[in-house]
């Protein structure tokens, strides 16, 4: 980190990029070995959400948000995308309930 800061002060862009890349690779290796290490790469949003939940609940910290998405290389859904997904799921649930109610209310066809 200090090497990157020193390189940024000199203004040598290729040198900065090279040192940043080396630092990121080092942090990724640390993360693979020990994810709880202070220099490990962390999902800041998940960490913040876990801390907030721990404060709110007063108990144990919550699990990181969407761990499967983080491990799979996919980005977690944005707040608007989460809302849209929840809305769609609720609509599908209502639709399925209406279909079931309609099936139950409809008499069987005559023989």
Protein backbone atom coordinates (compact mmCIF):
# COMPACT_ATOMS: atom_id res chain seq x y z
CA UNK A 1 0.00 0.00 0.00
CA UNK A 2 2.80 2.40 0.84
CA UNK A 3 4.54 1.67 -2.48
CA UNK A 4 1.33 2.56 -4.33
CA UNK A 5 0.98 5.80 -2.37
CA UNK A 6 4.59 6.74 -3.12
CA UNK A 7 4.12 5.92 -6.82
CA UNK A 8 0.99 8.09 -6.95
CA UNK A 9 2.93 11.04 -5.54
CA UNK A 10 5.52 10.72 -8.32
CA UNK A 11 2.76 10.69 -10.95
CA UNK A 12 4.24 7.80 -12.99
CA UNK A 13 0.99 6.21 -14.21
CA UNK A 14 2.40 2.90 -15.58
CA UNK A 15 4.36 2.43 -12.34
CA UNK A 16 1.22 3.09 -10.27
CA UNK A 17 -0.82 0.60 -12.30
CA UNK A 18 1.89 -2.06 -11.98
CA UNK A 19 2.11 -1.60 -8.21
CA UNK A 20 -1.68 -1.57 -7.77
CA UNK A 21 -1.95 -4.80 -9.76
CA UNK A 22 0.75 -6.41 -7.59
CA UNK A 23 -1.03 -5.25 -4.42
CA UNK A 24 -4.39 -6.60 -5.59
CA UNK A 25 -2.83 -9.97 -6.46
CA UNK A 26 -1.21 -10.11 -3.03
CA UNK A 27 -4.51 -9.28 -1.30
CA UNK A 28 -6.30 -11.97 -3.33
CA UNK A 29 -3.71 -14.55 -2.25
CA UNK A 30 -4.16 -13.47 1.38
CA UNK A 31 -7.94 -13.78 0.98
CA UNK A 32 -7.61 -17.34 -0.36
CA UNK A 33 -5.45 -18.33 2.61
CA UNK A 34 -7.29 -16.47 5.39
CA UNK A 35 -10.50 -14.54 4.54
CA UNK A 36 -10.60 -13.00 8.03
CA UNK A 37 -7.12 -11.44 7.68
CA UNK A 38 -7.08 -7.61 7.97
CA UNK A 39 -5.56 -7.28 4.47
CA UNK A 40 -7.99 -9.74 2.86
CA UNK A 41 -10.30 -8.49 0.10
CA UNK A 42 -13.76 -7.87 1.60
CA UNK A 43 -17.14 -7.03 0.11
CA UNK A 44 -17.63 -3.64 1.78
CA UNK A 45 -21.41 -3.59 1.33
CA UNK A 46 -21.81 -7.05 2.88
CA UNK A 47 -19.49 -6.15 5.75
CA UNK A 48 -21.40 -2.91 6.42
CA UNK A 49 -24.74 -4.74 6.30
CA UNK A 50 -23.45 -7.37 8.73
CA UNK A 51 -22.22 -4.70 11.13
CA UNK A 52 -25.53 -2.85 10.91
CA UNK A 53 -27.47 -6.05 11.57
CA UNK A 54 -25.22 -6.87 14.51
CA UNK A 55 -25.88 -3.44 16.02
CA UNK A 56 -29.61 -3.66 15.36
CA UNK A 57 -30.02 -7.23 16.59
CA UNK A 58 -27.50 -6.91 19.36
CA UNK A 59 -26.54 -10.54 18.79
CA UNK A 60 -24.18 -12.25 16.41
CA UNK A 61 -23.21 -10.53 13.15
CA UNK A 62 -25.37 -11.52 10.21
CA UNK A 63 -24.02 -13.66 7.40
CA UNK A 64 -22.68 -11.70 4.41
CA UNK A 65 -25.41 -10.71 1.99
CA UNK A 66 -25.68 -13.04 -1.00
CA UNK A 67 -22.58 -15.18 -0.38
CA UNK A 68 -23.35 -17.38 -3.39
CA UNK A 69 -23.42 -14.37 -5.68
CA UNK A 70 -20.11 -13.10 -4.35
CA UNK A 71 -18.44 -16.49 -4.78
CA UNK A 72 -19.93 -17.06 -8.23
CA UNK A 73 -18.37 -13.87 -9.58
CA UNK A 74 -21.76 -12.26 -10.11
CA UNK A 75 -22.54 -8.84 -8.70
CA UNK A 76 -25.23 -8.67 -6.03
CA UNK A 77 -28.53 -7.14 -7.14
CA UNK A 78 -28.98 -3.41 -6.76
CA UNK A 79 -31.64 -2.12 -4.40
CA UNK A 80 -33.99 -1.36 -7.32
CA UNK A 81 -33.39 -4.79 -8.85
CA UNK A 82 -34.14 -6.41 -5.47
CA UNK A 83 -37.38 -4.44 -5.22
CA UNK A 84 -38.37 -5.41 -8.76
CA UNK A 85 -37.62 -9.08 -8.07
CA UNK A 86 -39.66 -9.02 -4.84
CA UNK A 87 -42.54 -7.33 -6.67
CA UNK A 88 -42.43 -9.95 -9.46
CA UNK A 89 -42.33 -12.82 -6.96
CA UNK A 90 -45.32 -11.37 -5.08
CA UNK A 91 -47.24 -10.98 -8.34
CA UNK A 92 -46.44 -14.57 -9.37
CA UNK A 93 -47.55 -15.80 -5.94
CA UNK A 94 -50.86 -13.91 -6.19
CA UNK A 95 -51.39 -15.24 -9.72
CA UNK A 96 -50.73 -18.83 -8.61
CA UNK A 97 -53.13 -18.41 -5.66
CA UNK A 98 -55.82 -17.02 -7.98
CA UNK A 99 -55.41 -19.96 -10.38
CA UNK A 100 -55.69 -22.44 -7.49
CA UNK A 101 -58.79 -20.65 -6.16
CA UNK A 102 -60.33 -20.70 -9.63
CA UNK A 103 -59.64 -24.43 -9.99
CA UNK A 104 -61.26 -25.11 -6.61
CA UNK A 105 -64.33 -22.96 -7.41
CA UNK A 106 -64.88 -24.44 -10.89
CA UNK A 107 -67.15 -27.52 -10.85
CA UNK A 108 -65.90 -30.58 -12.72
CA UNK A 109 -67.24 -30.98 -16.29
CA UNK A 110 -70.33 -33.21 -16.68
CA UNK A 111 -69.65 -36.78 -17.88
